[in-house]
Amino acid sequence: MRYWVTKPAERTFHCHCEMYRKLHGAIFVTFSTVPEDGFAIEQGEEKIGRFESSALMSRPLCTGCGCQLYSQWSPAPGLSISRRARSMKGRFRAPGA
């Protein structure tokens, strides 16, 4: 799975709710929210499944390993994708670089 974030984060924050503490085995998880048009999947799109964790929250995940890739909150469609900062790896580069 490979993706690009091509626009700056609109905000970065920590969540310490019980669900994320259990999911990550940590006292909090850090998120960065980026505009939807600043996020692109370069490789592995065919492996993406979705888990609707509530009527308002969709969680795309890798069907191979089960890793949650990001989350989308339906009251704000097309505005942003909440991304886990922990899933970012390596240097930030422009697509195709």
PDB file of N, CA and C in Angstrom:
ATOM      1  N   MET A   1       0.848  -1.165   0.000  1.00  0.00           N
ATOM      2  CA  MET A   1       0.000   0.000   0.000  1.00  0.00           C
ATOM      3  C   MET A   1       0.896   1.230   0.000  1.00  0.00           C
ATOM      4  N   ARG A   2       0.665   2.127  -0.912  1.00  0.00           N
ATOM      5  CA  ARG A   2       1.439   3.369  -0.954  1.00  0.00           C
ATOM      6  C   ARG A   2       0.498   4.519  -1.279  1.00  0.00           C
ATOM      7  N   TYR A   3       0.660   5.607  -0.536  1.00  0.00           N
ATOM      8  CA  TYR A   3      -0.173   6.776  -0.761  1.00  0.00           C
ATOM      9  C   TYR A   3       0.669   8.030  -0.645  1.00  0.00           C
ATOM     10  N   TRP A   4       0.116   9.119  -1.145  1.00  0.00           N
ATOM     11  CA  TRP A   4       0.775  10.422  -1.104  1.00  0.00           C
ATOM     12  C   TRP A   4      -0.129  11.435  -0.428  1.00  0.00           C
ATOM     13  N   VAL A   5       0.464  12.271   0.370  1.00  0.00           N
ATOM     14  CA  VAL A   5      -0.214  13.435   0.925  1.00  0.00           C
ATOM     15  C   VAL A   5       0.469  14.631   0.279  1.00  0.00           C
ATOM     16  N   THR A   6      -0.288  15.371  -0.535  1.00  0.00           N
ATOM     17  CA  THR A   6       0.313  16.435  -1.339  1.00  0.00           C
ATOM     18  C   THR A   6      -0.045  17.841  -0.871  1.00  0.00           C
ATOM     19  N   LYS A   7      -0.885  17.928   0.147  1.00  0.00           N
ATOM     20  CA  LYS A   7      -1.248  19.235   0.698  1.00  0.00           C
ATOM     21  C   LYS A   7      -0.969  19.234   2.198  1.00  0.00           C
ATOM     22  N   PRO A   8      -0.712  20.395   2.759  1.00  0.00           N
ATOM     23  CA  PRO A   8      -0.415  20.460   4.193  1.00  0.00           C
ATOM     24  C   PRO A   8      -1.605  20.020   5.048  1.00  0.00           C
ATOM     25  N   ALA A   9      -1.291  19.496   6.215  1.00  0.00           N
ATOM     26  CA  ALA A   9      -2.340  19.129   7.165  1.00  0.00           C
ATOM     27  C   ALA A   9      -3.093  20.374   7.600  1.00  0.00           C
ATOM     28  N   GLU A  10      -4.406  20.234   7.707  1.00  0.00           N
ATOM     29  CA  GLU A  10      -5.226  21.340   8.186  1.00  0.00           C
ATOM     30  C   GLU A  10      -5.158  21.434   9.701  1.00  0.00           C
ATOM     31  N   ARG A  11      -4.977  20.283  10.334  1.00  0.00           N
ATOM     32  CA  ARG A  11      -4.774  20.252  11.775  1.00  0.00           C
ATOM     33  C   ARG A  11      -4.207  18.901  12.176  1.00  0.00           C
ATOM     34  N   THR A  12      -3.565  18.867  13.323  1.00  0.00           N
ATOM     35  CA  THR A  12      -3.033  17.641  13.900  1.00  0.00           C
ATOM     36  C   THR A  12      -3.469  17.627  15.360  1.00  0.00           C
ATOM     37  N   PHE A  13      -3.902  16.458  15.826  1.00  0.00           N
ATOM     38  CA  PHE A  13      -4.422  16.393  17.190  1.00  0.00           C
ATOM     39  C   PHE A  13      -4.253  14.980  17.744  1.00  0.00           C
ATOM     40  N   HIS A  14      -4.449  14.860  19.038  1.00  0.00           N
ATOM     41  CA  HIS A  14      -4.401  13.573  19.737  1.00  0.00           C
ATOM     42  C   HIS A  14      -5.810  13.197  20.170  1.00  0.00           C
ATOM     43  N   CYS A  15      -6.120  11.917  20.124  1.00  0.00           N
ATOM     44  CA  CYS A  15      -7.379  11.404  20.645  1.00  0.00           C
ATOM     45  C   CYS A  15      -7.047  10.378  21.723  1.00  0.00           C
ATOM     46  N   HIS A  16      -7.702  10.476  22.851  1.00  0.00           N
ATOM     47  CA  HIS A  16      -7.443   9.536  23.939  1.00  0.00           C
ATOM     48  C   HIS A  16      -8.717   8.801  24.350  1.00  0.00           C
ATOM     49  N   CYS A  17      -9.673   8.667  23.412  1.00  0.00           N
ATOM     50  CA  CYS A  17     -10.904   7.946  23.728  1.00  0.00           C
ATOM     51  C   CYS A  17     -10.590   6.461  23.946  1.00  0.00           C
ATOM     52  N   GLU A  18     -11.491   5.784  24.613  1.00  0.00           N
ATOM     53  CA  GLU A  18     -11.291   4.374  24.950  1.00  0.00           C
ATOM     54  C   GLU A  18     -11.095   3.511  23.705  1.00  0.00           C
ATOM     55  N   MET A  19     -11.854   3.782  22.644  1.00  0.00           N
ATOM     56  CA  MET A  19     -11.746   2.988  21.425  1.00  0.00           C
ATOM     57  C   MET A  19     -10.326   3.043  20.852  1.00  0.00           C
ATOM     58  N   TYR A  20      -9.747   4.232  20.746  1.00  0.00           N
ATOM     59  CA  TYR A  20      -8.407   4.343  20.161  1.00  0.00           C
ATOM     60  C   TYR A  20      -7.321   3.852  21.108  1.00  0.00           C
ATOM     61  N   ARG A  21      -7.511   3.991  22.404  1.00  0.00           N
ATOM     62  CA  ARG A  21      -6.528   3.431  23.343  1.00  0.00           C
ATOM     63  C   ARG A  21      -6.467   1.922  23.171  1.00  0.00           C
ATOM     64  N   LYS A  22      -7.616   1.274  23.003  1.00  0.00           N
ATOM     65  CA  LYS A  22      -7.643  -0.184  22.795  1.00  0.00           C
ATOM     66  C   LYS A  22      -7.055  -0.551  21.433  1.00  0.00           C
ATOM     67  N   LEU A  23      -7.461   0.173  20.392  1.00  0.00           N
ATOM     68  CA  LEU A  23      -7.017  -0.141  19.033  1.00  0.00           C
ATOM     69  C   LEU A  23      -5.506  -0.028  18.871  1.00  0.00           C
ATOM     70  N   HIS A  24      -4.900   0.983  19.497  1.00  0.00           N
ATOM     71  CA  HIS A  24      -3.476   1.246  19.306  1.00  0.00           C
ATOM     72  C   HIS A  24      -2.598   0.770  20.462  1.00  0.00           C
ATOM     73  N   GLY A  25      -3.206   0.340  21.557  1.00  0.00           N
ATOM     74  CA  GLY A  25      -2.423  -0.113  22.694  1.00  0.00           C
ATOM     75  C   GLY A  25      -1.566   1.005  23.272  1.00  0.00           C
ATOM     76  N   ALA A  26      -2.090   2.212  23.244  1.00  0.00           N
ATOM     77  CA  ALA A  26      -1.349   3.378  23.726  1.00  0.00           C
ATOM     78  C   ALA A  26      -2.322   4.312  24.443  1.00  0.00           C
ATOM     79  N   ILE A  27      -1.786   5.309  25.120  1.00  0.00           N
ATOM     80  CA  ILE A  27      -2.667   6.216  25.856  1.00  0.00           C
ATOM     81  C   ILE A  27      -3.339   7.242  24.952  1.00  0.00           C
ATOM     82  N   PHE A  28      -2.847   7.406  23.724  1.00  0.00           N
ATOM     83  CA  PHE A  28      -3.491   8.282  22.747  1.00  0.00           C
ATOM     84  C   PHE A  28      -2.995   7.922  21.359  1.00  0.00           C
ATOM     85  N   VAL A  29      -3.673   8.445  20.339  1.00  0.00           N
ATOM     86  CA  VAL A  29      -3.242   8.294  18.951  1.00  0.00           C
ATOM     87  C   VAL A  29      -3.223   9.687  18.328  1.00  0.00           C
ATOM     88  N   THR A  30      -2.268   9.926  17.453  1.00  0.00           N
ATOM     89  CA  THR A  30      -2.134  11.229  16.803  1.00  0.00           C
ATOM     90  C   THR A  30      -2.703  11.159  15.387  1.00  0.00           C
ATOM     91  N   PHE A  31      -3.505  12.148  15.030  1.00  0.00           N
ATOM     92  CA  PHE A  31      -4.106  12.249  13.712  1.00  0.00           C
ATOM     93  C   PHE A  31      -3.666  13.530  13.035  1.00  0.00           C
ATOM     94  N   SER A  32      -3.574  13.497  11.718  1.00  0.00           N
ATOM     95  CA  SER A  32      -3.430  14.712  10.915  1.00  0.00           C
ATOM     96  C   SER A  32      -4.564  14.694   9.904  1.00  0.00           C
ATOM     97  N   THR A  33      -5.244  15.802   9.763  1.00  0.00           N
ATOM     98  CA  THR A  33      -6.350  15.902   8.822  1.00  0.00           C
ATOM     99  C   THR A  33      -5.872  16.689   7.606  1.00  0.00           C
ATOM    100  N   VAL A  34      -6.054  16.081   6.433  1.00  0.00           N
ATOM    101  CA  VAL A  34      -5.647  16.719   5.181  1.00  0.00           C
ATOM    102  C   VAL A  34      -6.847  16.820   4.256  1.00  0.00           C
ATOM    103  N   PRO A  35      -6.831  17.777   3.325  1.00  0.00           N
ATOM    104  CA  PRO A  35      -7.936  17.859   2.352  1.00  0.00           C
ATOM    105  C   PRO A  35      -8.006  16.578   1.521  1.00  0.00           C
ATOM    106  N   GLU A  36      -9.209  16.155   1.195  1.00  0.00           N
ATOM    107  CA  GLU A  36      -9.375  14.927   0.415  1.00  0.00           C
ATOM    108  C   GLU A  36      -8.655  15.009  -0.921  1.00  0.00           C
ATOM    109  N   ASP A  37      -8.626  16.188  -1.549  1.00  0.00           N
ATOM    110  CA  ASP A  37      -7.934  16.305  -2.834  1.00  0.00           C
ATOM    111  C   ASP A  37      -6.414  16.407  -2.662  1.00  0.00           C
ATOM    112  N   GLY A  38      -5.929  16.333  -1.435  1.00  0.00           N
ATOM    113  CA  GLY A  38      -4.497  16.313  -1.166  1.00  0.00           C
ATOM    114  C   GLY A  38      -4.015  14.937  -0.751  1.00  0.00           C
ATOM    115  N   PHE A  39      -4.825  13.922  -1.027  1.00  0.00           N
ATOM    116  CA  PHE A  39      -4.511  12.537  -0.671  1.00  0.00           C
ATOM    117  C   PHE A  39      -4.746  11.651  -1.880  1.00  0.00           C
ATOM    118  N   ALA A  40      -3.773  10.821  -2.229  1.00  0.00           N
ATOM    119  CA  ALA A  40      -3.917   9.929  -3.379  1.00  0.00           C
ATOM    120  C   ALA A  40      -3.276   8.583  -3.076  1.00  0.00           C
ATOM    121  N   ILE A  41      -3.967   7.519  -3.430  1.00  0.00           N
ATOM    122  CA  ILE A  41      -3.413   6.178  -3.288  1.00  0.00           C
ATOM    123  C   ILE A  41      -2.683   5.850  -4.572  1.00  0.00           C
ATOM    124  N   GLU A  42      -1.397   5.558  -4.461  1.00  0.00           N
ATOM    125  CA  GLU A  42      -0.564   5.273  -5.629  1.00  0.00           C
ATOM    126  C   GLU A  42      -0.516   3.786  -5.936  1.00  0.00           C
ATOM    127  N   GLN A  43      -0.553   2.961  -4.900  1.00  0.00           N
ATOM    128  CA  GLN A  43      -0.391   1.515  -5.100  1.00  0.00           C
ATOM    129  C   GLN A  43      -1.245   0.768  -4.088  1.00  0.00           C
ATOM    130  N   GLY A  44      -1.932  -0.273  -4.523  1.00  0.00           N
ATOM    131  CA  GLY A  44      -2.690  -1.126  -3.620  1.00  0.00           C
ATOM    132  C   GLY A  44      -4.155  -0.773  -3.455  1.00  0.00           C
ATOM    133  N   GLU A  45      -4.677   0.105  -4.290  1.00  0.00           N
ATOM    134  CA  GLU A  45      -6.077   0.529  -4.151  1.00  0.00           C
ATOM    135  C   GLU A  45      -7.044  -0.655  -4.217  1.00  0.00           C
ATOM    136  N   GLU A  46      -6.679  -1.680  -4.976  1.00  0.00           N
ATOM    137  CA  GLU A  46      -7.549  -2.849  -5.107  1.00  0.00           C
ATOM    138  C   GLU A  46      -7.659  -3.647  -3.803  1.00  0.00           C
ATOM    139  N   LYS A  47      -6.785  -3.390  -2.843  1.00  0.00           N
ATOM    140  CA  LYS A  47      -6.803  -4.102  -1.562  1.00  0.00           C
ATOM    141  C   LYS A  47      -7.580  -3.356  -0.477  1.00  0.00           C
ATOM    142  N   ILE A  48      -8.196  -2.241  -0.825  1.00  0.00           N
ATOM    143  CA  ILE A  48      -8.888  -1.443   0.194  1.00  0.00           C
ATOM    144  C   ILE A  48     -10.317  -1.934   0.385  1.00  0.00           C
ATOM    145  N   GLY A  49     -10.643  -2.220   1.637  1.00  0.00           N
ATOM    146  CA  GLY A  49     -12.006  -2.555   2.033  1.00  0.00           C
ATOM    147  C   GLY A  49     -12.502  -1.435   2.941  1.00  0.00           C
ATOM    148  N   ARG A  50     -13.751  -1.516   3.371  1.00  0.00           N
ATOM    149  CA  ARG A  50     -14.303  -0.480   4.258  1.00  0.00           C
ATOM    150  C   ARG A  50     -15.030  -1.115   5.428  1.00  0.00           C
ATOM    151  N   PHE A  51     -14.878  -0.495   6.571  1.00  0.00           N
ATOM    152  CA  PHE A  51     -15.603  -0.865   7.761  1.00  0.00           C
ATOM    153  C   PHE A  51     -16.392   0.361   8.208  1.00  0.00           C
ATOM    154  N   GLU A  52     -17.707   0.225   8.242  1.00  0.00           N
ATOM    155  CA  GLU A  52     -18.558   1.326   8.696  1.00  0.00           C
ATOM    156  C   GLU A  52     -18.725   1.158  10.203  1.00  0.00           C
ATOM    157  N   SER A  53     -17.936   1.883  10.976  1.00  0.00           N
ATOM    158  CA  SER A  53     -17.946   1.699  12.432  1.00  0.00           C
ATOM    159  C   SER A  53     -19.143   2.376  13.093  1.00  0.00           C
ATOM    160  N   SER A  54     -19.802   3.270  12.385  1.00  0.00           N
ATOM    161  CA  SER A  54     -21.031   3.895  12.867  1.00  0.00           C
ATOM    162  C   SER A  54     -21.745   4.491  11.661  1.00  0.00           C
ATOM    163  N   ALA A  55     -22.898   5.073  11.898  1.00  0.00           N
ATOM    164  CA  ALA A  55     -23.634   5.694  10.791  1.00  0.00           C
ATOM    165  C   ALA A  55     -22.881   6.886  10.215  1.00  0.00           C
ATOM    166  N   LEU A  56     -21.933   7.441  10.973  1.00  0.00           N
ATOM    167  CA  LEU A  56     -21.208   8.637  10.535  1.00  0.00           C
ATOM    168  C   LEU A  56     -19.749   8.383  10.155  1.00  0.00           C
ATOM    169  N   MET A  57     -19.196   7.221  10.506  1.00  0.00           N
ATOM    170  CA  MET A  57     -17.760   6.996  10.338  1.00  0.00           C
ATOM    171  C   MET A  57     -17.468   5.782   9.465  1.00  0.00           C
ATOM    172  N   SER A  58     -16.669   6.001   8.428  1.00  0.00           N
ATOM    173  CA  SER A  58     -16.199   4.951   7.534  1.00  0.00           C
ATOM    174  C   SER A  58     -14.692   4.807   7.722  1.00  0.00           C
ATOM    175  N   ARG A  59     -14.223   3.561   7.796  1.00  0.00           N
ATOM    176  CA  ARG A  59     -12.807   3.304   8.045  1.00  0.00           C
ATOM    177  C   ARG A  59     -12.234   2.384   6.961  1.00  0.00           C
ATOM    178  N   PRO A  60     -11.660   2.949   5.905  1.00  0.00           N
ATOM    179  CA  PRO A  60     -10.998   2.126   4.893  1.00  0.00           C
ATOM    180  C   PRO A  60      -9.815   1.383   5.511  1.00  0.00           C
ATOM    181  N   LEU A  61      -9.663   0.117   5.112  1.00  0.00           N
ATOM    182  CA  LEU A  61      -8.592  -0.710   5.668  1.00  0.00           C
ATOM    183  C   LEU A  61      -8.013  -1.621   4.609  1.00  0.00           C
ATOM    184  N   CYS A  62      -6.833  -2.148   4.888  1.00  0.00           N
ATOM    185  CA  CYS A  62      -6.176  -3.100   3.994  1.00  0.00           C
ATOM    186  C   CYS A  62      -6.822  -4.462   4.196  1.00  0.00           C
ATOM    187  N   THR A  63      -7.353  -5.061   3.125  1.00  0.00           N
ATOM    188  CA  THR A  63      -7.990  -6.370   3.244  1.00  0.00           C
ATOM    189  C   THR A  63      -6.971  -7.484   3.431  1.00  0.00           C
ATOM    190  N   GLY A  64      -5.684  -7.201   3.203  1.00  0.00           N
ATOM    191  CA  GLY A  64      -4.641  -8.198   3.410  1.00  0.00           C
ATOM    192  C   GLY A  64      -4.239  -8.342   4.866  1.00  0.00           C
ATOM    193  N   CYS A  65      -4.014  -7.208   5.548  1.00  0.00           N
ATOM    194  CA  CYS A  65      -3.518  -7.261   6.929  1.00  0.00           C
ATOM    195  C   CYS A  65      -4.489  -6.682   7.956  1.00  0.00           C
ATOM    196  N   GLY A  66      -5.521  -5.960   7.496  1.00  0.00           N
ATOM    197  CA  GLY A  66      -6.498  -5.386   8.408  1.00  0.00           C
ATOM    198  C   GLY A  66      -6.135  -4.026   8.964  1.00  0.00           C
ATOM    199  N   CYS A  67      -5.000  -3.476   8.555  1.00  0.00           N
ATOM    200  CA  CYS A  67      -4.570  -2.174   9.061  1.00  0.00           C
ATOM    201  C   CYS A  67      -5.512  -1.077   8.567  1.00  0.00           C
ATOM    202  N   GLN A  68      -6.009  -0.265   9.500  1.00  0.00           N
ATOM    203  CA  GLN A  68      -6.854   0.862   9.126  1.00  0.00           C
ATOM    204  C   GLN A  68      -5.983   1.935   8.485  1.00  0.00           C
ATOM    205  N   LEU A  69      -6.390   2.424   7.324  1.00  0.00           N
ATOM    206  CA  LEU A  69      -5.583   3.385   6.579  1.00  0.00           C
ATOM    207  C   LEU A  69      -5.897   4.823   6.952  1.00  0.00           C
ATOM    208  N   TYR A  70      -7.160   5.156   7.078  1.00  0.00           N
ATOM    209  CA  TYR A  70      -7.598   6.490   7.450  1.00  0.00           C
ATOM    210  C   TYR A  70      -9.062   6.383   7.849  1.00  0.00           C
ATOM    211  N   SER A  71      -9.686   7.482   8.180  1.00  0.00           N
ATOM    212  CA  SER A  71     -11.110   7.463   8.485  1.00  0.00           C
ATOM    213  C   SER A  71     -11.776   8.660   7.834  1.00  0.00           C
ATOM    214  N   GLN A  72     -13.050   8.501   7.532  1.00  0.00           N
ATOM    215  CA  GLN A  72     -13.824   9.576   6.918  1.00  0.00           C
ATOM    216  C   GLN A  72     -15.086   9.784   7.732  1.00  0.00           C
ATOM    217  N   TRP A  73     -15.342  11.024   8.109  1.00  0.00           N
ATOM    218  CA  TRP A  73     -16.511  11.380   8.885  1.00  0.00           C
ATOM    219  C   TRP A  73     -17.537  11.969   7.942  1.00  0.00           C
ATOM    220  N   SER A  74     -18.686  11.314   7.770  1.00  0.00           N
ATOM    221  CA  SER A  74     -19.655  11.708   6.744  1.00  0.00           C
ATOM    222  C   SER A  74     -20.263  13.099   6.907  1.00  0.00           C
ATOM    223  N   PRO A  75     -20.370  13.686   8.112  1.00  0.00           N
ATOM    224  CA  PRO A  75     -20.901  15.055   8.155  1.00  0.00           C
ATOM    225  C   PRO A  75     -20.031  16.076   7.410  1.00  0.00           C
ATOM    226  N   ALA A  76     -18.823  15.690   7.052  1.00  0.00           N
ATOM    227  CA  ALA A  76     -17.935  16.604   6.320  1.00  0.00           C
ATOM    228  C   ALA A  76     -17.430  15.952   5.034  1.00  0.00           C
ATOM    229  N   PRO A  77     -18.327  15.461   4.164  1.00  0.00           N
ATOM    230  CA  PRO A  77     -17.857  14.778   2.954  1.00  0.00           C
ATOM    231  C   PRO A  77     -17.081  15.714   2.037  1.00  0.00           C
ATOM    232  N   GLY A  78     -16.009  15.185   1.491  1.00  0.00           N
ATOM    233  CA  GLY A  78     -15.207  15.929   0.537  1.00  0.00           C
ATOM    234  C   GLY A  78     -14.337  17.006   1.148  1.00  0.00           C
ATOM    235  N   LEU A  79     -14.402  17.213   2.469  1.00  0.00           N
ATOM    236  CA  LEU A  79     -13.616  18.272   3.084  1.00  0.00           C
ATOM    237  C   LEU A  79     -12.248  17.788   3.543  1.00  0.00           C
ATOM    238  N   SER A  80     -12.224  16.641   4.187  1.00  0.00           N
ATOM    239  CA  SER A  80     -10.935  16.161   4.688  1.00  0.00           C
ATOM    240  C   SER A  80     -10.982  14.675   4.980  1.00  0.00           C
ATOM    241  N   ILE A  81      -9.822  14.103   5.085  1.00  0.00           N
ATOM    242  CA  ILE A  81      -9.648  12.712   5.484  1.00  0.00           C
ATOM    243  C   ILE A  81      -8.774  12.731   6.723  1.00  0.00           C
ATOM    244  N   SER A  82      -9.225  12.119   7.774  1.00  0.00           N
ATOM    245  CA  SER A  82      -8.405  12.029   8.978  1.00  0.00           C
ATOM    246  C   SER A  82      -7.397  10.906   8.784  1.00  0.00           C
ATOM    247  N   ARG A  83      -6.153  11.216   8.926  1.00  0.00           N
ATOM    248  CA  ARG A  83      -5.085  10.249   8.675  1.00  0.00           C
ATOM    249  C   ARG A  83      -4.280  10.015   9.935  1.00  0.00           C
ATOM    250  N   ARG A  84      -3.925   8.831  10.170  1.00  0.00           N
ATOM    251  CA  ARG A  84      -3.058   8.517  11.289  1.00  0.00           C
ATOM    252  C   ARG A  84      -1.627   8.871  10.951  1.00  0.00           C
ATOM    253  N   ALA A  85      -1.042   9.747  11.733  1.00  0.00           N
ATOM    254  CA  ALA A  85       0.337  10.155  11.487  1.00  0.00           C
ATOM    255  C   ALA A  85       1.278   8.964  11.623  1.00  0.00           C
ATOM    256  N   ARG A  86       0.902   7.950  12.402  1.00  0.00           N
ATOM    257  CA  ARG A  86       1.763   6.784  12.607  1.00  0.00           C
ATOM    258  C   ARG A  86       1.979   5.985  11.336  1.00  0.00           C
ATOM    259  N   SER A  87       1.081   6.122  10.357  1.00  0.00           N
ATOM    260  CA  SER A  87       1.206   5.322   9.142  1.00  0.00           C
ATOM    261  C   SER A  87       2.112   5.967   8.108  1.00  0.00           C
ATOM    262  N   MET A  88       2.583   7.166   8.391  1.00  0.00           N
ATOM    263  CA  MET A  88       3.486   7.832   7.453  1.00  0.00           C
ATOM    264  C   MET A  88       4.899   7.310   7.649  1.00  0.00           C
ATOM    265  N   LYS A  89       5.586   7.050   6.560  1.00  0.00           N
ATOM    266  CA  LYS A  89       6.908   6.443   6.633  1.00  0.00           C
ATOM    267  C   LYS A  89       7.840   7.145   5.659  1.00  0.00           C
ATOM    268  N   GLY A  90       9.070   7.333   6.067  1.00  0.00           N
ATOM    269  CA  GLY A  90      10.061   7.894   5.161  1.00  0.00           C
ATOM    270  C   GLY A  90       9.900   9.384   4.959  1.00  0.00           C
ATOM    271  N   ARG A  91      10.593   9.890   3.961  1.00  0.00           N
ATOM    272  CA  ARG A  91      10.554  11.318   3.652  1.00  0.00           C
ATOM    273  C   ARG A  91       9.319  11.641   2.835  1.00  0.00           C
ATOM    274  N   PHE A  92       8.871  12.874   2.957  1.00  0.00           N
ATOM    275  CA  PHE A  92       7.768  13.338   2.125  1.00  0.00           C
ATOM    276  C   PHE A  92       8.346  13.764   0.778  1.00  0.00           C
ATOM    277  N   ARG A  93       7.782  13.233  -0.297  1.00  0.00           N
ATOM    278  CA  ARG A  93       8.236  13.562  -1.648  1.00  0.00           C
ATOM    279  C   ARG A  93       7.032  13.871  -2.513  1.00  0.00           C
ATOM    280  N   ALA A  94       7.271  14.568  -3.571  1.00  0.00           N
ATOM    281  CA  ALA A  94       6.215  14.843  -4.543  1.00  0.00           C
ATOM    282  C   ALA A  94       5.880  13.549  -5.289  1.00  0.00           C
ATOM    283  N   PRO A  95       4.611  13.353  -5.703  1.00  0.00           N
ATOM    284  CA  PRO A  95       4.268  12.156  -6.478  1.00  0.00           C
ATOM    285  C   PRO A  95       5.162  11.999  -7.694  1.00  0.00           C
ATOM    286  N   GLY A  96       5.617  10.780  -7.922  1.00  0.00           N
ATOM    287  CA  GLY A  96       6.460  10.485  -9.063  1.00  0.00           C
ATOM    288  C   GLY A  96       7.931  10.821  -8.868  1.00  0.00           C
ATOM    289  N   ALA A  97       8.282  11.381  -7.702  1.00  0.00           N
ATOM    290  CA  ALA A  97       9.683  11.757  -7.452  1.00  0.00           C
ATOM    291  C   ALA A  97      10.501  10.552  -7.049  1.00  0.00           C
TER     292      ALA A  97
END
